[in-house]
Amino acid sequence: MRLVPNFLKFRTEPGWLSVVMREGRVDFIHVRREPGSKPRVLLADSVEKGADEADTLGALRKSMRLDRYRCTTLLAHGRYQMIQTDAVAGTAEEARETVRWRLKDQVDFPVDTAAIDLLPIPNPSQGTSYPPHGGATDGMDLLPMPSPSDGRAPQVFAALSPESSVAPLVHAFQAAKVPLAAIDLPEISQRNLAALFEEGGRGLATLIFDDDEGLLTFTANGELLVVRHVEIPVRQLTAADAGRRDMLFERIALDVQRSLDNFDRIYSSIPLTHLLVAPIPGVDGFLDYLRTNLTVSVTPLDVSGVLDIVAVPALLDPLRQFQCLRAIGAALRDGPVAA
């Protein structure tokens, strides 16, 4: 049998295509990284989601050529738990299995069939270098085990998701014949996005609200250090009257300030540049309230300064940019990718 000539074979598009399921829609963001250049956003689209996710993806596979991309997606809020715990010496596989059973009483689903991954938390006093923009290291690599001089045990984030959450998501892509190469978390998406705004040697706090909640992260050198959740979805802010909105602003500011104080106490060697906040379209006065009531400077998040969005000028629109932030971060999941 003759081999198919190379020019007839499908060519995988460089970079990552994030395919993020939201309420009533699917967001698609394609990002390509090249050394020495801003990451380029080559596609930013949203499509109405039908009742069946596999049918939605299957219907779009041909028109959007989804089978020619390396795809990633995000687990939805409530579909996983992220727990900070002590690190374990040994191979990555050994560490995952040890942590899996250690945390069995802290999750509300069976751990034996759960998906699990570990993300080491760097210790600032040691300058420990971790693999950038990834979860646990590959199968037989040893997990980093720094010896903190401040007496704190090395820590990791353990992300666990029940089989009942992961299996249907994987099945939807398989049934639609759309290649799924990675599944990430909103916390990792936000870390990837924050890394574009960081200043060398300094930490950054980032606050983004979405359909599910507010997420506050603290990062440095592209690594995730602290995660805090604000249980206020964006629709609660947009629907509130003036009086109710002021109460929500106060609650958010108190939560953020408490987290800022805790970060300063634990990571005193890392100075924070500022708090980066995604403006919420239709929620006036939010950033001004935070500026007045927090002890750190507040800066609006705008991706137009850190990404090349010439191909997708729609992202200049504040509402459209806000809708796509999670998908943008997911598509920024690692460094340059060869064609």
C-alpha atoms as a PDB file:
ATOM      1  CA  MET A   1       0.000   0.000   0.000  1.00  0.00           C
ATOM      2  CA  ARG A   2       1.346   3.438  -0.931  1.00  0.00           C
ATOM      3  CA  LEU A   3       1.904   5.953   1.845  1.00  0.00           C
ATOM      4  CA  VAL A   4      -0.240   9.065   1.802  1.00  0.00           C
ATOM      5  CA  PRO A   5       1.907  11.979   0.588  1.00  0.00           C
ATOM      6  CA  ASN A   6       2.840  14.444   3.330  1.00  0.00           C
ATOM      7  CA  PHE A   7       0.980  17.283   1.651  1.00  0.00           C
ATOM      8  CA  LEU A   8      -2.306  15.395   2.129  1.00  0.00           C
ATOM      9  CA  LYS A   9      -1.815  14.871   5.862  1.00  0.00           C
ATOM     10  CA  PHE A  10      -3.495  17.095   8.382  1.00  0.00           C
ATOM     11  CA  ARG A  11      -1.240  19.730   9.885  1.00  0.00           C
ATOM     12  CA  THR A  12      -1.734  20.418  13.571  1.00  0.00           C
ATOM     13  CA  GLU A  13      -2.034  24.120  14.256  1.00  0.00           C
ATOM     14  CA  PRO A  14       0.742  25.378  16.544  1.00  0.00           C
ATOM     15  CA  GLY A  15      -0.186  26.500  20.044  1.00  0.00           C
ATOM     16  CA  TRP A  16      -3.245  25.610  22.085  1.00  0.00           C
ATOM     17  CA  LEU A  17      -6.957  25.890  21.445  1.00  0.00           C
ATOM     18  CA  SER A  18      -8.943  26.217  24.647  1.00  0.00           C
ATOM     19  CA  VAL A  19     -12.471  24.881  24.476  1.00  0.00           C
ATOM     20  CA  VAL A  20     -14.243  26.079  27.606  1.00  0.00           C
ATOM     21  CA  MET A  21     -17.811  25.138  28.439  1.00  0.00           C
ATOM     22  CA  ARG A  22     -19.750  28.015  29.991  1.00  0.00           C
ATOM     23  CA  GLU A  23     -23.407  28.414  30.858  1.00  0.00           C
ATOM     24  CA  GLY A  24     -25.204  28.454  27.509  1.00  0.00           C
ATOM     25  CA  ARG A  25     -22.079  28.788  25.370  1.00  0.00           C
ATOM     26  CA  VAL A  26     -18.686  27.351  24.435  1.00  0.00           C
ATOM     27  CA  ASP A  27     -15.692  29.701  24.278  1.00  0.00           C
ATOM     28  CA  PHE A  28     -12.876  29.012  21.802  1.00  0.00           C
ATOM     29  CA  ILE A  29      -9.513  30.767  22.105  1.00  0.00           C
ATOM     30  CA  HIS A  30      -6.463  29.852  20.029  1.00  0.00           C
ATOM     31  CA  VAL A  31      -3.123  31.221  21.247  1.00  0.00           C
ATOM     32  CA  ARG A  32       0.273  30.769  19.649  1.00  0.00           C
ATOM     33  CA  ARG A  33       3.483  31.639  21.465  1.00  0.00           C
ATOM     34  CA  GLU A  34       6.746  32.495  19.712  1.00  0.00           C
ATOM     35  CA  PRO A  35      10.048  33.402  21.385  1.00  0.00           C
ATOM     36  CA  GLY A  36      10.586  37.134  21.781  1.00  0.00           C
ATOM     37  CA  SER A  37       7.013  38.076  20.889  1.00  0.00           C
ATOM     38  CA  LYS A  38       3.747  38.635  22.691  1.00  0.00           C
ATOM     39  CA  PRO A  39       1.477  35.576  22.609  1.00  0.00           C
ATOM     40  CA  ARG A  40      -0.777  35.863  19.565  1.00  0.00           C
ATOM     41  CA  VAL A  41      -4.505  35.281  19.826  1.00  0.00           C
ATOM     42  CA  LEU A  42      -5.549  33.907  16.452  1.00  0.00           C
ATOM     43  CA  LEU A  43      -9.121  32.917  17.247  1.00  0.00           C
ATOM     44  CA  ALA A  44     -11.663  34.186  19.763  1.00  0.00           C
ATOM     45  CA  ASP A  45     -15.142  32.841  19.238  1.00  0.00           C
ATOM     46  CA  SER A  46     -18.144  31.806  21.284  1.00  0.00           C
ATOM     47  CA  VAL A  47     -20.895  29.484  20.111  1.00  0.00           C
ATOM     48  CA  GLU A  48     -24.253  28.678  21.664  1.00  0.00           C
ATOM     49  CA  LYS A  49     -24.090  25.385  23.515  1.00  0.00           C
ATOM     50  CA  GLY A  50     -26.793  22.809  22.958  1.00  0.00           C
ATOM     51  CA  ALA A  51     -28.148  20.398  25.523  1.00  0.00           C
ATOM     52  CA  ASP A  52     -25.519  17.810  24.630  1.00  0.00           C
ATOM     53  CA  GLU A  53     -21.876  18.947  24.696  1.00  0.00           C
ATOM     54  CA  ALA A  54     -20.713  16.144  22.401  1.00  0.00           C
ATOM     55  CA  ASP A  55     -23.317  17.104  19.785  1.00  0.00           C
ATOM     56  CA  THR A  56     -22.254  20.759  20.013  1.00  0.00           C
ATOM     57  CA  LEU A  57     -18.573  19.920  19.514  1.00  0.00           C
ATOM     58  CA  GLY A  58     -19.358  17.405  16.790  1.00  0.00           C
ATOM     59  CA  ALA A  59     -21.373  19.965  14.846  1.00  0.00           C
ATOM     60  CA  LEU A  60     -18.478  22.434  15.034  1.00  0.00           C
ATOM     61  CA  ARG A  61     -15.638  20.027  14.346  1.00  0.00           C
ATOM     62  CA  LYS A  62     -15.736  20.394  10.574  1.00  0.00           C
ATOM     63  CA  SER A  63     -16.624  24.092  10.283  1.00  0.00           C
ATOM     64  CA  MET A  64     -14.000  25.148  12.850  1.00  0.00           C
ATOM     65  CA  ARG A  65     -11.520  22.380  11.960  1.00  0.00           C
ATOM     66  CA  LEU A  66     -11.308  21.443  15.601  1.00  0.00           C
ATOM     67  CA  ASP A  67      -9.546  18.183  14.795  1.00  0.00           C
ATOM     68  CA  ARG A  68      -6.495  20.156  13.644  1.00  0.00           C
ATOM     69  CA  TYR A  69      -5.807  21.756  17.020  1.00  0.00           C
ATOM     70  CA  ARG A  70      -4.218  20.663  20.247  1.00  0.00           C
ATOM     71  CA  CYS A  71      -7.126  21.278  22.606  1.00  0.00           C
ATOM     72  CA  THR A  72      -7.385  21.977  26.299  1.00  0.00           C
ATOM     73  CA  THR A  73     -10.408  22.597  28.477  1.00  0.00           C
ATOM     74  CA  LEU A  74     -11.246  23.605  32.047  1.00  0.00           C
ATOM     75  CA  LEU A  75     -13.079  21.732  34.753  1.00  0.00           C
ATOM     76  CA  ALA A  76     -16.105  23.713  35.858  1.00  0.00           C
ATOM     77  CA  HIS A  77     -16.620  25.159  39.322  1.00  0.00           C
ATOM     78  CA  GLY A  78     -17.825  22.446  41.724  1.00  0.00           C
ATOM     79  CA  ARG A  79     -16.399  19.640  39.596  1.00  0.00           C
ATOM     80  CA  TYR A  80     -13.126  19.364  41.518  1.00  0.00           C
ATOM     81  CA  GLN A  81     -11.444  20.236  44.791  1.00  0.00           C
ATOM     82  CA  MET A  82      -8.076  21.931  45.186  1.00  0.00           C
ATOM     83  CA  ILE A  83      -6.434  21.336  48.544  1.00  0.00           C
ATOM     84  CA  GLN A  84      -3.114  22.569  49.889  1.00  0.00           C
ATOM     85  CA  THR A  85      -1.185  19.862  51.701  1.00  0.00           C
ATOM     86  CA  ASP A  86       2.318  18.769  52.682  1.00  0.00           C
ATOM     87  CA  ALA A  87       4.522  17.579  49.844  1.00  0.00           C
ATOM     88  CA  VAL A  88       5.638  13.940  49.632  1.00  0.00           C
ATOM     89  CA  ALA A  89       9.100  12.713  48.691  1.00  0.00           C
ATOM     90  CA  GLY A  90       9.437  10.209  45.866  1.00  0.00           C
ATOM     91  CA  THR A  91       8.412   9.930  42.242  1.00  0.00           C
ATOM     92  CA  ALA A  92       5.468  11.929  40.942  1.00  0.00           C
ATOM     93  CA  GLU A  93       3.345   8.772  40.723  1.00  0.00           C
ATOM     94  CA  GLU A  94       4.222   7.734  44.275  1.00  0.00           C
ATOM     95  CA  ALA A  95       3.466  11.224  45.552  1.00  0.00           C
ATOM     96  CA  ARG A  96       0.073  11.313  43.823  1.00  0.00           C
ATOM     97  CA  GLU A  97      -0.943   7.966  45.307  1.00  0.00           C
ATOM     98  CA  THR A  98       0.184   8.949  48.807  1.00  0.00           C
ATOM     99  CA  VAL A  99      -1.659  12.270  48.669  1.00  0.00           C
ATOM    100  CA  ARG A 100      -4.737  10.614  47.139  1.00  0.00           C
ATOM    101  CA  TRP A 101      -5.293   8.455  50.210  1.00  0.00           C
ATOM    102  CA  ARG A 102      -4.177  11.117  52.668  1.00  0.00           C
ATOM    103  CA  LEU A 103      -6.986  13.385  51.466  1.00  0.00           C
ATOM    104  CA  LYS A 104      -9.712  10.750  51.223  1.00  0.00           C
ATOM    105  CA  ASP A 105     -11.598  12.204  54.195  1.00  0.00           C
ATOM    106  CA  GLN A 106     -11.395  15.779  52.886  1.00  0.00           C
ATOM    107  CA  VAL A 107     -13.337  15.205  49.672  1.00  0.00           C
ATOM    108  CA  ASP A 108     -16.928  14.104  49.149  1.00  0.00           C
ATOM    109  CA  PHE A 109     -16.288  11.517  46.414  1.00  0.00           C
ATOM    110  CA  PRO A 110     -14.376   8.218  46.109  1.00  0.00           C
ATOM    111  CA  VAL A 111     -10.644   8.861  45.730  1.00  0.00           C
ATOM    112  CA  ASP A 112      -9.748   5.478  44.272  1.00  0.00           C
ATOM    113  CA  THR A 113     -11.167   6.416  40.851  1.00  0.00           C
ATOM    114  CA  ALA A 114     -10.608  10.170  41.090  1.00  0.00           C
ATOM    115  CA  ALA A 115      -8.249  12.060  38.807  1.00  0.00           C
ATOM    116  CA  ILE A 116      -5.444  13.701  40.782  1.00  0.00           C
ATOM    117  CA  ASP A 117      -2.507  15.953  40.021  1.00  0.00           C
ATOM    118  CA  LEU A 118      -0.039  17.837  42.195  1.00  0.00           C
ATOM    119  CA  LEU A 119       1.318  21.337  41.733  1.00  0.00           C
ATOM    120  CA  PRO A 120       4.353  22.160  43.905  1.00  0.00           C
ATOM    121  CA  ILE A 121       4.284  25.498  45.721  1.00  0.00           C
ATOM    122  CA  PRO A 122       7.686  27.202  45.590  1.00  0.00           C
ATOM    123  CA  ASN A 123       9.235  28.349  48.831  1.00  0.00           C
ATOM    124  CA  PRO A 124      10.470  31.931  48.371  1.00  0.00           C
ATOM    125  CA  SER A 125      13.309  31.609  50.873  1.00  0.00           C
ATOM    126  CA  GLN A 126      14.947  28.877  48.790  1.00  0.00           C
ATOM    127  CA  GLY A 127      14.530  30.243  45.270  1.00  0.00           C
ATOM    128  CA  THR A 128      13.478  26.753  44.230  1.00  0.00           C
ATOM    129  CA  SER A 129      12.958  26.323  40.500  1.00  0.00           C
ATOM    130  CA  TYR A 130       9.895  24.375  39.388  1.00  0.00           C
ATOM    131  CA  PRO A 131       8.756  23.325  35.922  1.00  0.00           C
ATOM    132  CA  PRO A 132       6.877  26.383  34.582  1.00  0.00           C
ATOM    133  CA  HIS A 133       3.212  26.290  33.649  1.00  0.00           C
ATOM    134  CA  GLY A 134       2.483  22.672  34.431  1.00  0.00           C
ATOM    135  CA  GLY A 135       1.086  20.387  37.049  1.00  0.00           C
ATOM    136  CA  ALA A 136       3.076  17.581  38.588  1.00  0.00           C
ATOM    137  CA  THR A 137       6.238  16.504  36.824  1.00  0.00           C
ATOM    138  CA  ASP A 138       6.225  13.538  34.445  1.00  0.00           C
ATOM    139  CA  GLY A 139       5.855   9.962  35.617  1.00  0.00           C
ATOM    140  CA  MET A 140       9.237   9.028  37.108  1.00  0.00           C
ATOM    141  CA  ASP A 141      10.661  12.491  37.831  1.00  0.00           C
ATOM    142  CA  LEU A 142      11.230  13.376  41.436  1.00  0.00           C
ATOM    143  CA  LEU A 143       9.025  16.059  42.927  1.00  0.00           C
ATOM    144  CA  PRO A 144      11.048  19.030  44.248  1.00  0.00           C
ATOM    145  CA  MET A 145      11.490  18.886  48.007  1.00  0.00           C
ATOM    146  CA  PRO A 146      12.978  22.181  49.246  1.00  0.00           C
ATOM    147  CA  SER A 147      13.940  22.581  52.900  1.00  0.00           C
ATOM    148  CA  PRO A 148      12.380  25.883  53.952  1.00  0.00           C
ATOM    149  CA  SER A 149      14.506  27.898  56.345  1.00  0.00           C
ATOM    150  CA  ASP A 150      11.380  29.320  57.993  1.00  0.00           C
ATOM    151  CA  GLY A 151      10.349  25.947  59.373  1.00  0.00           C
ATOM    152  CA  ARG A 152       7.339  25.420  57.112  1.00  0.00           C
ATOM    153  CA  ALA A 153       7.005  22.021  55.453  1.00  0.00           C
ATOM    154  CA  PRO A 154       7.159  21.956  51.622  1.00  0.00           C
ATOM    155  CA  GLN A 155       3.648  22.301  50.207  1.00  0.00           C
ATOM    156  CA  VAL A 156       1.735  21.277  47.104  1.00  0.00           C
ATOM    157  CA  PHE A 157      -1.677  21.986  45.661  1.00  0.00           C
ATOM    158  CA  ALA A 158      -3.546  18.725  45.165  1.00  0.00           C
ATOM    159  CA  ALA A 159      -6.278  18.879  42.533  1.00  0.00           C
ATOM    160  CA  LEU A 160      -8.790  16.046  42.706  1.00  0.00           C
ATOM    161  CA  SER A 161     -11.811  15.465  40.497  1.00  0.00           C
ATOM    162  CA  PRO A 162     -14.282  12.569  40.692  1.00  0.00           C
ATOM    163  CA  GLU A 163     -14.591  10.167  37.801  1.00  0.00           C
ATOM    164  CA  SER A 164     -18.199  11.338  37.405  1.00  0.00           C
ATOM    165  CA  SER A 165     -16.903  14.799  36.434  1.00  0.00           C
ATOM    166  CA  VAL A 166     -13.895  13.915  34.293  1.00  0.00           C
ATOM    167  CA  ALA A 167     -15.318  10.952  32.338  1.00  0.00           C
ATOM    168  CA  PRO A 168     -18.292  12.789  30.734  1.00  0.00           C
ATOM    169  CA  LEU A 169     -16.031  15.683  29.724  1.00  0.00           C
ATOM    170  CA  VAL A 170     -13.499  13.365  28.090  1.00  0.00           C
ATOM    171  CA  HIS A 171     -16.309  11.385  26.456  1.00  0.00           C
ATOM    172  CA  ALA A 172     -17.799  14.545  24.905  1.00  0.00           C
ATOM    173  CA  PHE A 173     -14.533  15.292  23.107  1.00  0.00           C
ATOM    174  CA  GLN A 174     -13.993  11.660  22.101  1.00  0.00           C
ATOM    175  CA  ALA A 175     -17.524  11.309  20.754  1.00  0.00           C
ATOM    176  CA  ALA A 176     -17.086  14.512  18.740  1.00  0.00           C
ATOM    177  CA  LYS A 177     -13.657  13.321  17.506  1.00  0.00           C
ATOM    178  CA  VAL A 178     -12.028  16.474  18.843  1.00  0.00           C
ATOM    179  CA  PRO A 179      -8.530  15.803  20.252  1.00  0.00           C
ATOM    180  CA  LEU A 180      -8.304  16.719  23.938  1.00  0.00           C
ATOM    181  CA  ALA A 181      -4.704  16.961  25.108  1.00  0.00           C
ATOM    182  CA  ALA A 182      -5.138  18.537  28.545  1.00  0.00           C
ATOM    183  CA  ILE A 183      -7.660  19.362  31.253  1.00  0.00           C
ATOM    184  CA  ASP A 184      -6.850  22.329  33.482  1.00  0.00           C
ATOM    185  CA  LEU A 185      -8.436  24.314  36.302  1.00  0.00           C
ATOM    186  CA  PRO A 186      -9.583  27.944  36.499  1.00  0.00           C
ATOM    187  CA  GLU A 187      -6.813  28.549  39.060  1.00  0.00           C
ATOM    188  CA  ILE A 188      -4.204  27.455  36.508  1.00  0.00           C
ATOM    189  CA  SER A 189      -5.831  29.542  33.793  1.00  0.00           C
ATOM    190  CA  GLN A 190      -5.639  32.603  36.035  1.00  0.00           C
ATOM    191  CA  ARG A 191      -2.029  31.853  36.918  1.00  0.00           C
ATOM    192  CA  ASN A 192      -1.121  31.693  33.227  1.00  0.00           C
ATOM    193  CA  LEU A 193      -2.804  35.032  32.590  1.00  0.00           C
ATOM    194  CA  ALA A 194      -1.249  36.710  35.633  1.00  0.00           C
ATOM    195  CA  ALA A 195       2.228  35.630  34.508  1.00  0.00           C
ATOM    196  CA  LEU A 196       1.969  38.074  31.586  1.00  0.00           C
ATOM    197  CA  PHE A 197       1.602  40.994  34.006  1.00  0.00           C
ATOM    198  CA  GLU A 198       4.245  40.049  36.576  1.00  0.00           C
ATOM    199  CA  GLU A 199       7.381  42.069  37.228  1.00  0.00           C
ATOM    200  CA  GLY A 200      10.575  40.162  37.881  1.00  0.00           C
ATOM    201  CA  GLY A 201      11.200  39.308  41.515  1.00  0.00           C
ATOM    202  CA  ARG A 202       7.851  40.633  42.675  1.00  0.00           C
ATOM    203  CA  GLY A 203       4.509  39.035  43.405  1.00  0.00           C
ATOM    204  CA  LEU A 204       1.137  39.820  41.872  1.00  0.00           C
ATOM    205  CA  ALA A 205      -2.381  39.480  43.236  1.00  0.00           C
ATOM    206  CA  THR A 206      -5.104  38.928  40.618  1.00  0.00           C
ATOM    207  CA  LEU A 207      -8.880  39.047  41.112  1.00  0.00           C
ATOM    208  CA  ILE A 208     -11.310  37.856  38.443  1.00  0.00           C
ATOM    209  CA  PHE A 209     -15.029  37.202  38.773  1.00  0.00           C
ATOM    210  CA  ASP A 210     -16.967  34.909  36.461  1.00  0.00           C
ATOM    211  CA  ASP A 211     -20.314  33.124  36.252  1.00  0.00           C
ATOM    212  CA  ASP A 212     -19.434  30.956  39.256  1.00  0.00           C
ATOM    213  CA  GLU A 213     -17.396  32.997  41.744  1.00  0.00           C
ATOM    214  CA  GLY A 214     -14.586  35.415  42.346  1.00  0.00           C
ATOM    215  CA  LEU A 215     -11.082  33.970  42.248  1.00  0.00           C
ATOM    216  CA  LEU A 216      -8.132  35.663  43.959  1.00  0.00           C
ATOM    217  CA  THR A 217      -4.663  34.322  43.199  1.00  0.00           C
ATOM    218  CA  PHE A 218      -1.185  35.284  44.324  1.00  0.00           C
ATOM    219  CA  THR A 219       1.637  34.453  41.917  1.00  0.00           C
ATOM    220  CA  ALA A 220       5.359  35.094  41.481  1.00  0.00           C
ATOM    221  CA  ASN A 221       7.726  34.072  38.689  1.00  0.00           C
ATOM    222  CA  GLY A 222       4.860  32.391  36.880  1.00  0.00           C
ATOM    223  CA  GLU A 223       4.058  30.134  39.825  1.00  0.00           C
ATOM    224  CA  LEU A 224       0.885  29.842  41.886  1.00  0.00           C
ATOM    225  CA  LEU A 225       1.443  30.540  45.592  1.00  0.00           C
ATOM    226  CA  VAL A 226      -1.977  31.215  47.139  1.00  0.00           C
ATOM    227  CA  VAL A 227      -5.596  30.725  46.048  1.00  0.00           C
ATOM    228  CA  ARG A 228      -8.662  32.286  47.648  1.00  0.00           C
ATOM    229  CA  HIS A 229     -12.300  31.956  46.574  1.00  0.00           C
ATOM    230  CA  VAL A 230     -14.923  34.693  46.912  1.00  0.00           C
ATOM    231  CA  GLU A 231     -18.331  33.027  46.786  1.00  0.00           C
ATOM    232  CA  ILE A 232     -20.010  35.797  44.803  1.00  0.00           C
ATOM    233  CA  PRO A 233     -20.840  35.111  41.120  1.00  0.00           C
ATOM    234  CA  VAL A 234     -20.724  37.993  38.687  1.00  0.00           C
ATOM    235  CA  ARG A 235     -24.487  37.879  38.082  1.00  0.00           C
ATOM    236  CA  GLN A 236     -25.030  38.695  41.750  1.00  0.00           C
ATOM    237  CA  LEU A 237     -23.027  41.881  41.300  1.00  0.00           C
ATOM    238  CA  THR A 238     -24.674  42.901  38.035  1.00  0.00           C
ATOM    239  CA  ALA A 239     -28.220  42.302  39.363  1.00  0.00           C
ATOM    240  CA  ALA A 240     -27.773  44.070  42.706  1.00  0.00           C
ATOM    241  CA  ASP A 241     -29.254  47.494  43.389  1.00  0.00           C
ATOM    242  CA  ALA A 242     -27.009  50.261  44.711  1.00  0.00           C
ATOM    243  CA  GLY A 243     -27.457  49.389  48.376  1.00  0.00           C
ATOM    244  CA  ARG A 244     -26.933  45.672  47.909  1.00  0.00           C
ATOM    245  CA  ARG A 245     -23.969  46.293  45.623  1.00  0.00           C
ATOM    246  CA  ASP A 246     -22.214  48.400  48.270  1.00  0.00           C
ATOM    247  CA  MET A 247     -22.640  45.534  50.734  1.00  0.00           C
ATOM    248  CA  LEU A 248     -21.116  43.106  48.240  1.00  0.00           C
ATOM    249  CA  PHE A 249     -18.243  45.518  47.553  1.00  0.00           C
ATOM    250  CA  GLU A 250     -17.551  45.712  51.289  1.00  0.00           C
ATOM    251  CA  ARG A 251     -17.586  41.937  51.649  1.00  0.00           C
ATOM    252  CA  ILE A 252     -15.191  41.515  48.723  1.00  0.00           C
ATOM    253  CA  ALA A 253     -12.831  44.193  50.020  1.00  0.00           C
ATOM    254  CA  LEU A 254     -12.724  42.579  53.473  1.00  0.00           C
ATOM    255  CA  ASP A 255     -11.967  39.156  51.971  1.00  0.00           C
ATOM    256  CA  VAL A 256      -9.252  40.575  49.718  1.00  0.00           C
ATOM    257  CA  GLN A 257      -7.620  42.625  52.484  1.00  0.00           C
ATOM    258  CA  ARG A 258      -7.577  39.613  54.782  1.00  0.00           C
ATOM    259  CA  SER A 259      -5.876  37.604  52.043  1.00  0.00           C
ATOM    260  CA  LEU A 260      -3.370  40.408  51.398  1.00  0.00           C
ATOM    261  CA  ASP A 261      -2.465  40.470  55.088  1.00  0.00           C
ATOM    262  CA  ASN A 262      -2.049  36.689  55.182  1.00  0.00           C
ATOM    263  CA  PHE A 263       0.135  36.715  52.084  1.00  0.00           C
ATOM    264  CA  ASP A 264       2.357  39.426  53.556  1.00  0.00           C
ATOM    265  CA  ARG A 265       2.736  37.393  56.741  1.00  0.00           C
ATOM    266  CA  ILE A 266       3.586  34.110  55.008  1.00  0.00           C
ATOM    267  CA  TYR A 267       5.526  35.474  52.019  1.00  0.00           C
ATOM    268  CA  SER A 268       7.128  38.534  53.575  1.00  0.00           C
ATOM    269  CA  SER A 269      10.134  38.208  51.257  1.00  0.00           C
ATOM    270  CA  ILE A 270       7.967  38.728  48.148  1.00  0.00           C
ATOM    271  CA  PRO A 271       6.817  42.330  47.638  1.00  0.00           C
ATOM    272  CA  LEU A 272       3.484  42.694  45.850  1.00  0.00           C
ATOM    273  CA  THR A 273       3.411  45.077  42.902  1.00  0.00           C
ATOM    274  CA  HIS A 274      -0.349  45.614  42.965  1.00  0.00           C
ATOM    275  CA  LEU A 275      -3.748  43.965  42.764  1.00  0.00           C
ATOM    276  CA  LEU A 276      -4.781  43.265  39.184  1.00  0.00           C
ATOM    277  CA  VAL A 277      -8.582  43.302  38.848  1.00  0.00           C
ATOM    278  CA  ALA A 278     -10.684  42.407  35.824  1.00  0.00           C
ATOM    279  CA  PRO A 279     -13.255  45.212  35.403  1.00  0.00           C
ATOM    280  CA  ILE A 280     -16.814  43.874  35.420  1.00  0.00           C
ATOM    281  CA  PRO A 281     -18.915  45.389  32.622  1.00  0.00           C
ATOM    282  CA  GLY A 282     -22.076  46.922  34.051  1.00  0.00           C
ATOM    283  CA  VAL A 283     -20.715  47.088  37.606  1.00  0.00           C
ATOM    284  CA  ASP A 284     -19.649  50.699  38.009  1.00  0.00           C
ATOM    285  CA  GLY A 285     -17.454  51.874  40.845  1.00  0.00           C
ATOM    286  CA  PHE A 286     -15.986  48.469  41.731  1.00  0.00           C
ATOM    287  CA  LEU A 287     -12.319  49.286  41.142  1.00  0.00           C
ATOM    288  CA  ASP A 288     -12.695  52.712  42.740  1.00  0.00           C
ATOM    289  CA  TYR A 289     -14.160  51.096  45.862  1.00  0.00           C
ATOM    290  CA  LEU A 290     -11.235  48.687  46.075  1.00  0.00           C
ATOM    291  CA  ARG A 291      -8.727  51.509  45.583  1.00  0.00           C
ATOM    292  CA  THR A 292     -10.280  53.402  48.480  1.00  0.00           C
ATOM    293  CA  ASN A 293     -10.507  50.460  50.862  1.00  0.00           C
ATOM    294  CA  LEU A 294      -7.396  48.342  50.230  1.00  0.00           C
ATOM    295  CA  THR A 295      -3.792  48.869  51.295  1.00  0.00           C
ATOM    296  CA  VAL A 296      -2.399  47.964  47.877  1.00  0.00           C
ATOM    297  CA  SER A 297      -2.664  49.761  44.555  1.00  0.00           C
ATOM    298  CA  VAL A 298      -5.387  48.460  42.212  1.00  0.00           C
ATOM    299  CA  THR A 299      -4.852  48.161  38.448  1.00  0.00           C
ATOM    300  CA  PRO A 300      -7.427  47.161  35.800  1.00  0.00           C
ATOM    301  CA  LEU A 301      -6.679  43.989  33.856  1.00  0.00           C
ATOM    302  CA  ASP A 302      -6.531  44.607  30.106  1.00  0.00           C
ATOM    303  CA  VAL A 303      -5.019  41.933  27.878  1.00  0.00           C
ATOM    304  CA  SER A 304      -4.505  44.281  24.933  1.00  0.00           C
ATOM    305  CA  GLY A 305      -1.151  45.352  26.370  1.00  0.00           C
ATOM    306  CA  VAL A 306       0.266  41.868  26.890  1.00  0.00           C
ATOM    307  CA  LEU A 307      -1.240  39.919  23.985  1.00  0.00           C
ATOM    308  CA  ASP A 308      -1.160  40.414  20.233  1.00  0.00           C
ATOM    309  CA  ILE A 309      -4.867  40.621  19.393  1.00  0.00           C
ATOM    310  CA  VAL A 310      -4.582  42.123  15.905  1.00  0.00           C
ATOM    311  CA  ALA A 311      -6.331  39.061  14.471  1.00  0.00           C
ATOM    312  CA  VAL A 312      -9.208  39.332  16.964  1.00  0.00           C
ATOM    313  CA  PRO A 313     -10.014  43.046  17.469  1.00  0.00           C
ATOM    314  CA  ALA A 314     -13.283  42.037  19.158  1.00  0.00           C
ATOM    315  CA  LEU A 315     -11.225  41.501  22.307  1.00  0.00           C
ATOM    316  CA  LEU A 316     -10.802  45.265  22.552  1.00  0.00           C
ATOM    317  CA  ASP A 317     -14.435  45.359  23.648  1.00  0.00           C
ATOM    318  CA  PRO A 318     -14.475  45.207  27.479  1.00  0.00           C
ATOM    319  CA  LEU A 319     -17.458  42.845  27.647  1.00  0.00           C
ATOM    320  CA  ARG A 320     -16.058  40.431  25.091  1.00  0.00           C
ATOM    321  CA  GLN A 321     -12.659  40.430  26.776  1.00  0.00           C
ATOM    322  CA  PHE A 322     -14.244  39.795  30.181  1.00  0.00           C
ATOM    323  CA  GLN A 323     -16.219  36.840  28.824  1.00  0.00           C
ATOM    324  CA  CYS A 324     -13.089  35.229  27.384  1.00  0.00           C
ATOM    325  CA  LEU A 325     -10.599  35.637  30.248  1.00  0.00           C
ATOM    326  CA  ARG A 326     -10.837  32.061  31.500  1.00  0.00           C
ATOM    327  CA  ALA A 327     -10.448  30.650  27.980  1.00  0.00           C
ATOM    328  CA  ILE A 328      -7.537  32.998  27.232  1.00  0.00           C
ATOM    329  CA  GLY A 329      -5.711  31.815  30.341  1.00  0.00           C
ATOM    330  CA  ALA A 330      -6.358  28.187  29.466  1.00  0.00           C
ATOM    331  CA  ALA A 331      -4.844  28.673  25.998  1.00  0.00           C
ATOM    332  CA  LEU A 332      -1.718  30.172  27.616  1.00  0.00           C
ATOM    333  CA  ARG A 333      -0.960  26.907  29.374  1.00  0.00           C
ATOM    334  CA  ASP A 334       2.716  26.620  28.402  1.00  0.00           C
ATOM    335  CA  GLY A 335       5.608  28.203  26.523  1.00  0.00           C
ATOM    336  CA  PRO A 336       6.422  28.284  22.794  1.00  0.00           C
ATOM    337  CA  VAL A 337       5.160  25.343  20.782  1.00  0.00           C
ATOM    338  CA  ALA A 338       6.740  24.332  17.500  1.00  0.00           C
ATOM    339  CA  ALA A 339       4.636  23.943  14.399  1.00  0.00           C
END
